């Protein structure tokens, strides 16, 4: 999913704040699947959330490191042109 929040001055600050919120709620922070991603495992490790800035995901998509459905790629691209604070989030069952 694409998350946009106009209260933030940048996507980096939005992603950093997400890390703080997840840790505050008991999620364990870990590395994402790529160098630009971050991830967190829910308490009990039943869910894994991978997230990064819109720019980070678009860079990995362009380099062929990851694949995203077209609507996600388009949504991320649109936020870049709008200069909006945005990030990509993917929630999966289980930790990896």
PDB file of N, CA and C in Angstrom:
ATOM      1  N   UNK A   1       0.837  -1.169   0.000  1.00  0.00           N
ATOM      2  CA  UNK A   1       0.000   0.000   0.000  1.00  0.00           C
ATOM      3  C   UNK A   1       0.885   1.235   0.000  1.00  0.00           C
ATOM      4  N   UNK A   2       0.327   2.334  -0.461  1.00  0.00           N
ATOM      5  CA  UNK A   2       1.030   3.613  -0.469  1.00  0.00           C
ATOM      6  C   UNK A   2       0.417   4.478   0.624  1.00  0.00           C
ATOM      7  N   UNK A   3       1.256   4.998   1.511  1.00  0.00           N
ATOM      8  CA  UNK A   3       0.818   5.842   2.615  1.00  0.00           C
ATOM      9  C   UNK A   3       1.324   7.259   2.364  1.00  0.00           C
ATOM     10  N   UNK A   4       0.419   8.225   2.409  1.00  0.00           N
ATOM     11  CA  UNK A   4       0.768   9.630   2.209  1.00  0.00           C
ATOM     12  C   UNK A   4       0.283  10.405   3.428  1.00  0.00           C
ATOM     13  N   UNK A   5       1.149  11.289   3.943  1.00  0.00           N
ATOM     14  CA  UNK A   5       0.759  12.089   5.097  1.00  0.00           C
ATOM     15  C   UNK A   5       1.339  13.488   4.948  1.00  0.00           C
ATOM     16  N   UNK A   6       0.479  14.440   4.683  1.00  0.00           N
ATOM     17  CA  UNK A   6       0.883  15.820   4.460  1.00  0.00           C
ATOM     18  C   UNK A   6       1.412  16.534   5.684  1.00  0.00           C
ATOM     19  N   UNK A   7       1.294  15.927   6.863  1.00  0.00           N
ATOM     20  CA  UNK A   7       1.819  16.564   8.077  1.00  0.00           C
ATOM     21  C   UNK A   7       3.336  16.472   8.168  1.00  0.00           C
ATOM     22  N   UNK A   8       3.936  15.619   7.351  1.00  0.00           N
ATOM     23  CA  UNK A   8       5.383  15.419   7.403  1.00  0.00           C
ATOM     24  C   UNK A   8       6.081  16.237   6.330  1.00  0.00           C
ATOM     25  N   UNK A   9       7.290  16.700   6.639  1.00  0.00           N
ATOM     26  CA  UNK A   9       8.048  17.516   5.696  1.00  0.00           C
ATOM     27  C   UNK A   9       8.760  16.673   4.646  1.00  0.00           C
ATOM     28  N   UNK A  10       8.964  15.388   4.943  1.00  0.00           N
ATOM     29  CA  UNK A  10       9.642  14.521   3.978  1.00  0.00           C
ATOM     30  C   UNK A  10       9.253  13.062   4.209  1.00  0.00           C
ATOM     31  N   UNK A  11       9.506  12.257   3.190  1.00  0.00           N
ATOM     32  CA  UNK A  11       9.250  10.817   3.289  1.00  0.00           C
ATOM     33  C   UNK A  11      10.183  10.156   4.294  1.00  0.00           C
ATOM     34  N   UNK A  12      11.411  10.663   4.394  1.00  0.00           N
ATOM     35  CA  UNK A  12      12.364  10.106   5.363  1.00  0.00           C
ATOM     36  C   UNK A  12      11.858  10.256   6.788  1.00  0.00           C
ATOM     37  N   UNK A  13      11.318  11.421   7.099  1.00  0.00           N
ATOM     38  CA  UNK A  13      10.794  11.674   8.447  1.00  0.00           C
ATOM     39  C   UNK A  13       9.566  10.795   8.695  1.00  0.00           C
ATOM     40  N   UNK A  14       8.727  10.630   7.689  1.00  0.00           N
ATOM     41  CA  UNK A  14       7.543   9.763   7.807  1.00  0.00           C
ATOM     42  C   UNK A  14       7.949   8.326   8.120  1.00  0.00           C
ATOM     43  N   UNK A  15       8.919   7.792   7.386  1.00  0.00           N
ATOM     44  CA  UNK A  15       9.374   6.417   7.616  1.00  0.00           C
ATOM     45  C   UNK A  15      10.040   6.262   8.980  1.00  0.00           C
ATOM     46  N   UNK A  16      10.822   7.254   9.386  1.00  0.00           N
ATOM     47  CA  UNK A  16      11.463   7.207  10.704  1.00  0.00           C
ATOM     48  C   UNK A  16      10.418   7.211  11.811  1.00  0.00           C
ATOM     49  N   UNK A  17       9.401   8.045  11.665  1.00  0.00           N
ATOM     50  CA  UNK A  17       8.340   8.103  12.665  1.00  0.00           C
ATOM     51  C   UNK A  17       7.582   6.774  12.723  1.00  0.00           C
ATOM     52  N   UNK A  18       7.402   6.140  11.579  1.00  0.00           N
ATOM     53  CA  UNK A  18       6.749   4.824  11.558  1.00  0.00           C
ATOM     54  C   UNK A  18       7.552   3.827  12.385  1.00  0.00           C
ATOM     55  N   UNK A  19       8.872   3.874  12.276  1.00  0.00           N
ATOM     56  CA  UNK A  19       9.729   2.985  13.080  1.00  0.00           C
ATOM     57  C   UNK A  19       9.505   3.203  14.561  1.00  0.00           C
ATOM     58  N   UNK A  20       9.430   4.472  14.964  1.00  0.00           N
ATOM     59  CA  UNK A  20       9.210   4.787  16.386  1.00  0.00           C
ATOM     60  C   UNK A  20       7.846   4.286  16.860  1.00  0.00           C
ATOM     61  N   UNK A  21       6.828   4.463  16.046  1.00  0.00           N
ATOM     62  CA  UNK A  21       5.472   4.018  16.413  1.00  0.00           C
ATOM     63  C   UNK A  21       5.420   2.499  16.546  1.00  0.00           C
ATOM     64  N   UNK A  22       6.034   1.799  15.591  1.00  0.00           N
ATOM     65  CA  UNK A  22       6.043   0.333  15.646  1.00  0.00           C
ATOM     66  C   UNK A  22       6.770  -0.167  16.892  1.00  0.00           C
ATOM     67  N   UNK A  23       7.937   0.406  17.186  1.00  0.00           N
ATOM     68  CA  UNK A  23       8.700  -0.010  18.372  1.00  0.00           C
ATOM     69  C   UNK A  23       7.918   0.266  19.651  1.00  0.00           C
ATOM     70  N   UNK A  24       7.244   1.404  19.684  1.00  0.00           N
ATOM     71  CA  UNK A  24       6.438   1.766  20.857  1.00  0.00           C
ATOM     72  C   UNK A  24       5.324   0.753  21.111  1.00  0.00           C
ATOM     73  N   UNK A  25       4.831   0.129  20.036  1.00  0.00           N
ATOM     74  CA  UNK A  25       3.751  -0.840  20.158  1.00  0.00           C
ATOM     75  C   UNK A  25       4.248  -2.292  20.203  1.00  0.00           C
ATOM     76  N   UNK A  26       5.529  -2.477  20.486  1.00  0.00           N
ATOM     77  CA  UNK A  26       6.062  -3.811  20.726  1.00  0.00           C
ATOM     78  C   UNK A  26       6.550  -4.564  19.505  1.00  0.00           C
ATOM     79  N   UNK A  27       6.573  -3.937  18.353  1.00  0.00           N
ATOM     80  CA  UNK A  27       7.088  -4.596  17.149  1.00  0.00           C
ATOM     81  C   UNK A  27       8.611  -4.580  17.214  1.00  0.00           C
ATOM     82  N   UNK A  28       9.243  -5.663  16.770  1.00  0.00           N
ATOM     83  CA  UNK A  28      10.703  -5.714  16.750  1.00  0.00           C
ATOM     84  C   UNK A  28      11.198  -5.245  15.383  1.00  0.00           C
ATOM     85  N   UNK A  29      12.057  -4.228  15.403  1.00  0.00           N
ATOM     86  CA  UNK A  29      12.576  -3.648  14.170  1.00  0.00           C
ATOM     87  C   UNK A  29      13.703  -4.517  13.623  1.00  0.00           C
ATOM     88  N   UNK A  30      13.754  -4.635  12.294  1.00  0.00           N
ATOM     89  CA  UNK A  30      14.767  -5.457  11.641  1.00  0.00           C
ATOM     90  C   UNK A  30      15.053  -4.887  10.258  1.00  0.00           C
ATOM     91  N   UNK A  31      15.923  -5.532   9.529  1.00  0.00           N
ATOM     92  CA  UNK A  31      16.278  -5.085   8.189  1.00  0.00           C
ATOM     93  C   UNK A  31      15.209  -5.516   7.190  1.00  0.00           C
ATOM     94  N   UNK A  32      15.020  -4.707   6.171  1.00  0.00           N
ATOM     95  CA  UNK A  32      14.102  -5.050   5.091  1.00  0.00           C
ATOM     96  C   UNK A  32      14.761  -5.998   4.106  1.00  0.00           C
ATOM     97  N   UNK A  33      14.072  -6.256   3.008  1.00  0.00           N
ATOM     98  CA  UNK A  33      14.576  -7.174   1.994  1.00  0.00           C
ATOM     99  C   UNK A  33      15.675  -6.555   1.136  1.00  0.00           C
ATOM    100  N   UNK A  34      15.722  -5.218   1.084  1.00  0.00           N
ATOM    101  CA  UNK A  34      16.778  -4.517   0.347  1.00  0.00           C
ATOM    102  C   UNK A  34      17.439  -3.525   1.294  1.00  0.00           C
ATOM    103  N   UNK A  35      18.507  -2.936   0.861  1.00  0.00           N
ATOM    104  CA  UNK A  35      19.222  -1.976   1.698  1.00  0.00           C
ATOM    105  C   UNK A  35      18.448  -0.706   1.986  1.00  0.00           C
ATOM    106  N   UNK A  36      17.451  -0.390   1.146  1.00  0.00           N
ATOM    107  CA  UNK A  36      16.675   0.829   1.341  1.00  0.00           C
ATOM    108  C   UNK A  36      15.436   0.604   2.199  1.00  0.00           C
ATOM    109  N   UNK A  37      15.092  -0.645   2.448  1.00  0.00           N
ATOM    110  CA  UNK A  37      13.880  -0.959   3.200  1.00  0.00           C
ATOM    111  C   UNK A  37      14.173  -1.176   4.676  1.00  0.00           C
ATOM    112  N   UNK A  38      13.139  -0.957   5.480  1.00  0.00           N
ATOM    113  CA  UNK A  38      13.148  -1.327   6.893  1.00  0.00           C
ATOM    114  C   UNK A  38      12.016  -2.335   7.082  1.00  0.00           C
ATOM    115  N   UNK A  39      12.035  -3.045   8.189  1.00  0.00           N
ATOM    116  CA  UNK A  39      10.981  -4.021   8.453  1.00  0.00           C
ATOM    117  C   UNK A  39      10.756  -4.122   9.951  1.00  0.00           C
ATOM    118  N   UNK A  40       9.624  -4.692  10.296  1.00  0.00           N
ATOM    119  CA  UNK A  40       9.295  -4.914  11.709  1.00  0.00           C
ATOM    120  C   UNK A  40       8.437  -6.162  11.810  1.00  0.00           C
ATOM    121  N   UNK A  41       8.669  -6.937  12.860  1.00  0.00           N
ATOM    122  CA  UNK A  41       7.875  -8.129  13.134  1.00  0.00           C
ATOM    123  C   UNK A  41       6.959  -7.839  14.311  1.00  0.00           C
ATOM    124  N   UNK A  42       5.717  -8.250  14.172  1.00  0.00           N
ATOM    125  CA  UNK A  42       4.740  -8.012  15.229  1.00  0.00           C
ATOM    126  C   UNK A  42       5.085  -8.839  16.459  1.00  0.00           C
ATOM    127  N   UNK A  43       4.552  -8.433  17.608  1.00  0.00           N
ATOM    128  CA  UNK A  43       4.730  -9.269  18.799  1.00  0.00           C
ATOM    129  C   UNK A  43       4.205 -10.674  18.496  1.00  0.00           C
ATOM    130  N   UNK A  44       4.998 -11.673  18.778  1.00  0.00           N
ATOM    131  CA  UNK A  44       4.628 -13.045  18.452  1.00  0.00           C
ATOM    132  C   UNK A  44       5.014 -13.441  17.035  1.00  0.00           C
ATOM    133  N   UNK A  45       5.557 -12.517  16.272  1.00  0.00           N
ATOM    134  CA  UNK A  45       6.053 -12.749  14.913  1.00  0.00           C
ATOM    135  C   UNK A  45       5.006 -13.326  13.964  1.00  0.00           C
ATOM    136  N   UNK A  46       3.754 -12.940  14.150  1.00  0.00           N
ATOM    137  CA  UNK A  46       2.698 -13.424  13.251  1.00  0.00           C
ATOM    138  C   UNK A  46       2.602 -12.574  11.991  1.00  0.00           C
ATOM    139  N   UNK A  47       3.074 -11.322  12.062  1.00  0.00           N
ATOM    140  CA  UNK A  47       3.027 -10.415  10.920  1.00  0.00           C
ATOM    141  C   UNK A  47       4.387  -9.779  10.708  1.00  0.00           C
ATOM    142  N   UNK A  48       4.683  -9.461   9.454  1.00  0.00           N
ATOM    143  CA  UNK A  48       5.912  -8.738   9.101  1.00  0.00           C
ATOM    144  C   UNK A  48       5.526  -7.564   8.217  1.00  0.00           C
ATOM    145  N   UNK A  49       5.979  -6.384   8.591  1.00  0.00           N
ATOM    146  CA  UNK A  49       5.723  -5.170   7.835  1.00  0.00           C
ATOM    147  C   UNK A  49       7.046  -4.694   7.243  1.00  0.00           C
ATOM    148  N   UNK A  50       7.074  -4.552   5.936  1.00  0.00           N
ATOM    149  CA  UNK A  50       8.240  -4.021   5.241  1.00  0.00           C
ATOM    150  C   UNK A  50       7.855  -2.657   4.697  1.00  0.00           C
ATOM    151  N   UNK A  51       8.726  -1.653   4.881  1.00  0.00           N
ATOM    152  CA  UNK A  51       8.374  -0.304   4.455  1.00  0.00           C
ATOM    153  C   UNK A  51       9.614   0.474   4.055  1.00  0.00           C
ATOM    154  N   UNK A  52       9.404   1.463   3.218  1.00  0.00           N
ATOM    155  CA  UNK A  52      10.468   2.358   2.779  1.00  0.00           C
ATOM    156  C   UNK A  52       9.846   3.618   2.196  1.00  0.00           C
ATOM    157  N   UNK A  53      10.662   4.593   1.938  1.00  0.00           N
ATOM    158  CA  UNK A  53      10.156   5.820   1.325  1.00  0.00           C
ATOM    159  C   UNK A  53       9.700   5.527  -0.104  1.00  0.00           C
ATOM    160  N   UNK A  54       8.879   6.409  -0.633  1.00  0.00           N
ATOM    161  CA  UNK A  54       8.432   6.266  -2.026  1.00  0.00           C
ATOM    162  C   UNK A  54       9.644   6.244  -2.949  1.00  0.00           C
ATOM    163  N   UNK A  55      10.584   7.133  -2.708  1.00  0.00           N
ATOM    164  CA  UNK A  55      11.786   7.193  -3.541  1.00  0.00           C
ATOM    165  C   UNK A  55      12.585   5.896  -3.455  1.00  0.00           C
ATOM    166  N   UNK A  56      12.695   5.338  -2.262  1.00  0.00           N
ATOM    167  CA  UNK A  56      13.432   4.092  -2.078  1.00  0.00           C
ATOM    168  C   UNK A  56      12.815   2.936  -2.843  1.00  0.00           C
ATOM    169  N   UNK A  57      11.504   2.806  -2.778  1.00  0.00           N
ATOM    170  CA  UNK A  57      10.835   1.730  -3.496  1.00  0.00           C
ATOM    171  C   UNK A  57      10.951   1.930  -5.007  1.00  0.00           C
ATOM    172  N   UNK A  58      10.756   3.159  -5.471  1.00  0.00           N
ATOM    173  CA  UNK A  58      10.863   3.416  -6.906  1.00  0.00           C
ATOM    174  C   UNK A  58      12.268   3.132  -7.418  1.00  0.00           C
ATOM    175  N   UNK A  59      13.277   3.441  -6.627  1.00  0.00           N
ATOM    176  CA  UNK A  59      14.654   3.144  -7.027  1.00  0.00           C
ATOM    177  C   UNK A  59      14.844   1.633  -7.164  1.00  0.00           C
ATOM    178  N   UNK A  60      14.371   0.872  -6.165  1.00  0.00           N
ATOM    179  CA  UNK A  60      14.509  -0.589  -6.227  1.00  0.00           C
ATOM    180  C   UNK A  60      13.699  -1.189  -7.378  1.00  0.00           C
ATOM    181  N   UNK A  61      12.539  -0.618  -7.673  1.00  0.00           N
ATOM    182  CA  UNK A  61      11.737  -1.082  -8.810  1.00  0.00           C
ATOM    183  C   UNK A  61      12.502  -0.821 -10.105  1.00  0.00           C
ATOM    184  N   UNK A  62      13.052   0.380 -10.250  1.00  0.00           N
ATOM    185  CA  UNK A  62      13.790   0.759 -11.458  1.00  0.00           C
ATOM    186  C   UNK A  62      15.014  -0.129 -11.665  1.00  0.00           C
ATOM    187  N   UNK A  63      15.690  -0.495 -10.579  1.00  0.00           N
ATOM    188  CA  UNK A  63      16.875  -1.346 -10.677  1.00  0.00           C
ATOM    189  C   UNK A  63      16.533  -2.819 -10.862  1.00  0.00           C
ATOM    190  N   UNK A  64      15.249  -3.164 -10.757  1.00  0.00           N
ATOM    191  CA  UNK A  64      14.831  -4.557 -10.918  1.00  0.00           C
ATOM    192  C   UNK A  64      15.047  -5.405  -9.686  1.00  0.00           C
ATOM    193  N   UNK A  65      15.301  -4.766  -8.547  1.00  0.00           N
ATOM    194  CA  UNK A  65      15.541  -5.487  -7.297  1.00  0.00           C
ATOM    195  C   UNK A  65      14.227  -6.032  -6.730  1.00  0.00           C
ATOM    196  N   UNK A  66      13.147  -5.265  -6.888  1.00  0.00           N
ATOM    197  CA  UNK A  66      11.829  -5.683  -6.402  1.00  0.00           C
ATOM    198  C   UNK A  66      10.794  -5.479  -7.505  1.00  0.00           C
ATOM    199  N   UNK A  67       9.669  -6.122  -7.346  1.00  0.00           N
ATOM    200  CA  UNK A  67       8.519  -5.932  -8.227  1.00  0.00           C
ATOM    201  C   UNK A  67       7.347  -5.457  -7.398  1.00  0.00           C
ATOM    202  N   UNK A  68       6.584  -4.548  -7.944  1.00  0.00           N
ATOM    203  CA  UNK A  68       5.363  -4.068  -7.301  1.00  0.00           C
ATOM    204  C   UNK A  68       4.258  -4.064  -8.352  1.00  0.00           C
ATOM    205  N   UNK A  69       3.015  -4.288  -7.934  1.00  0.00           N
ATOM    206  CA  UNK A  69       1.902  -4.175  -8.887  1.00  0.00           C
ATOM    207  C   UNK A  69       1.866  -2.758  -9.472  1.00  0.00           C
ATOM    208  N   UNK A  70       1.404  -2.651 -10.707  1.00  0.00           N
ATOM    209  CA  UNK A  70       1.369  -1.368 -11.393  1.00  0.00           C
ATOM    210  C   UNK A  70       0.669  -0.277 -10.577  1.00  0.00           C
ATOM    211  N   UNK A  71      -0.485  -0.531  -9.943  1.00  0.00           N
ATOM    212  CA  UNK A  71      -1.131   0.549  -9.170  1.00  0.00           C
ATOM    213  C   UNK A  71      -0.248   1.087  -8.036  1.00  0.00           C
ATOM    214  N   UNK A  72       0.554   0.243  -7.415  1.00  0.00           N
ATOM    215  CA  UNK A  72       1.459   0.695  -6.352  1.00  0.00           C
ATOM    216  C   UNK A  72       2.565   1.563  -6.955  1.00  0.00           C
ATOM    217  N   UNK A  73       3.159   1.092  -8.040  1.00  0.00           N
ATOM    218  CA  UNK A  73       4.216   1.857  -8.706  1.00  0.00           C
ATOM    219  C   UNK A  73       3.692   3.217  -9.159  1.00  0.00           C
ATOM    220  N   UNK A  74       2.520   3.228  -9.749  1.00  0.00           N
ATOM    221  CA  UNK A  74       1.916   4.488 -10.203  1.00  0.00           C
ATOM    222  C   UNK A  74       1.637   5.415  -9.019  1.00  0.00           C
ATOM    223  N   UNK A  75       1.098   4.869  -7.938  1.00  0.00           N
ATOM    224  CA  UNK A  75       0.810   5.668  -6.748  1.00  0.00           C
ATOM    225  C   UNK A  75       2.071   6.276  -6.160  1.00  0.00           C
ATOM    226  N   UNK A  76       3.140   5.487  -6.084  1.00  0.00           N
ATOM    227  CA  UNK A  76       4.413   6.002  -5.567  1.00  0.00           C
ATOM    228  C   UNK A  76       4.965   7.098  -6.477  1.00  0.00           C
ATOM    229  N   UNK A  77       4.893   6.864  -7.774  1.00  0.00           N
ATOM    230  CA  UNK A  77       5.381   7.844  -8.736  1.00  0.00           C
ATOM    231  C   UNK A  77       4.600   9.156  -8.632  1.00  0.00           C
ATOM    232  N   UNK A  78       3.300   9.055  -8.490  1.00  0.00           N
ATOM    233  CA  UNK A  78       2.468  10.256  -8.371  1.00  0.00           C
ATOM    234  C   UNK A  78       2.836  11.077  -7.141  1.00  0.00           C
ATOM    235  N   UNK A  79       3.133  10.402  -6.032  1.00  0.00           N
ATOM    236  CA  UNK A  79       3.495  11.139  -4.821  1.00  0.00           C
ATOM    237  C   UNK A  79       4.815  11.878  -5.001  1.00  0.00           C
ATOM    238  N   UNK A  80       5.719  11.303  -5.779  1.00  0.00           N
ATOM    239  CA  UNK A  80       6.999  11.974  -6.030  1.00  0.00           C
ATOM    240  C   UNK A  80       6.771  13.271  -6.812  1.00  0.00           C
ATOM    241  N   UNK A  81       5.916  13.205  -7.830  1.00  0.00           N
ATOM    242  CA  UNK A  81       5.639  14.403  -8.628  1.00  0.00           C
ATOM    243  C   UNK A  81       4.874  15.447  -7.814  1.00  0.00           C
ATOM    244  N   UNK A  82       4.081  14.988  -6.851  1.00  0.00           N
ATOM    245  CA  UNK A  82       3.346  15.908  -5.977  1.00  0.00           C
ATOM    246  C   UNK A  82       4.217  16.442  -4.834  1.00  0.00           C
ATOM    247  N   UNK A  83       5.423  15.911  -4.719  1.00  0.00           N
ATOM    248  CA  UNK A  83       6.349  16.261  -3.630  1.00  0.00           C
ATOM    249  C   UNK A  83       5.718  16.022  -2.256  1.00  0.00           C
ATOM    250  N   UNK A  84       4.993  14.909  -2.165  1.00  0.00           N
ATOM    251  CA  UNK A  84       4.301  14.547  -0.924  1.00  0.00           C
ATOM    252  C   UNK A  84       5.158  13.582  -0.105  1.00  0.00           C
ATOM    253  N   UNK A  85       5.046  13.672   1.200  1.00  0.00           N
ATOM    254  CA  UNK A  85       5.697  12.696   2.079  1.00  0.00           C
ATOM    255  C   UNK A  85       4.931  11.390   1.960  1.00  0.00           C
ATOM    256  N   UNK A  86       5.609  10.371   1.453  1.00  0.00           N
ATOM    257  CA  UNK A  86       4.928   9.103   1.187  1.00  0.00           C
ATOM    258  C   UNK A  86       5.879   7.934   1.381  1.00  0.00           C
ATOM    259  N   UNK A  87       5.286   6.777   1.642  1.00  0.00           N
ATOM    260  CA  UNK A  87       6.077   5.558   1.748  1.00  0.00           C
ATOM    261  C   UNK A  87       5.257   4.368   1.289  1.00  0.00           C
ATOM    262  N   UNK A  88       5.960   3.318   0.996  1.00  0.00           N
ATOM    263  CA  UNK A  88       5.366   2.055   0.590  1.00  0.00           C
ATOM    264  C   UNK A  88       5.400   1.110   1.788  1.00  0.00           C
ATOM    265  N   UNK A  89       4.304   0.389   1.996  1.00  0.00           N
ATOM    266  CA  UNK A  89       4.243  -0.579   3.098  1.00  0.00           C
ATOM    267  C   UNK A  89       3.684  -1.893   2.570  1.00  0.00           C
ATOM    268  N   UNK A  90       4.275  -2.999   2.994  1.00  0.00           N
ATOM    269  CA  UNK A  90       3.786  -4.310   2.612  1.00  0.00           C
ATOM    270  C   UNK A  90       3.674  -5.165   3.875  1.00  0.00           C
ATOM    271  N   UNK A  91       2.460  -5.624   4.169  1.00  0.00           N
ATOM    272  CA  UNK A  91       2.209  -6.444   5.344  1.00  0.00           C
ATOM    273  C   UNK A  91       2.062  -7.892   4.907  1.00  0.00           C
ATOM    274  N   UNK A  92       2.812  -8.780   5.547  1.00  0.00           N
ATOM    275  CA  UNK A  92       2.799 -10.208   5.208  1.00  0.00           C
ATOM    276  C   UNK A  92       2.569 -11.033   6.462  1.00  0.00           C
ATOM    277  N   UNK A  93       2.065 -12.221   6.258  1.00  0.00           N
ATOM    278  CA  UNK A  93       1.879 -13.155   7.369  1.00  0.00           C
ATOM    279  C   UNK A  93       3.223 -13.796   7.673  1.00  0.00           C
ATOM    280  N   UNK A  94       3.612 -13.790   8.941  1.00  0.00           N
ATOM    281  CA  UNK A  94       4.861 -14.425   9.381  1.00  0.00           C
ATOM    282  C   UNK A  94       6.078 -13.555   9.162  1.00  0.00           C
ATOM    283  N   UNK A  95       7.165 -13.917   9.811  1.00  0.00           N
ATOM    284  CA  UNK A  95       8.422 -13.180   9.645  1.00  0.00           C
ATOM    285  C   UNK A  95       9.331 -13.981   8.722  1.00  0.00           C
ATOM    286  N   UNK A  96      10.297 -13.286   8.133  1.00  0.00           N
ATOM    287  CA  UNK A  96      11.222 -13.997   7.254  1.00  0.00           C
ATOM    288  C   UNK A  96      12.648 -13.790   7.696  1.00  0.00           C
TER     289      UNK A  96
END
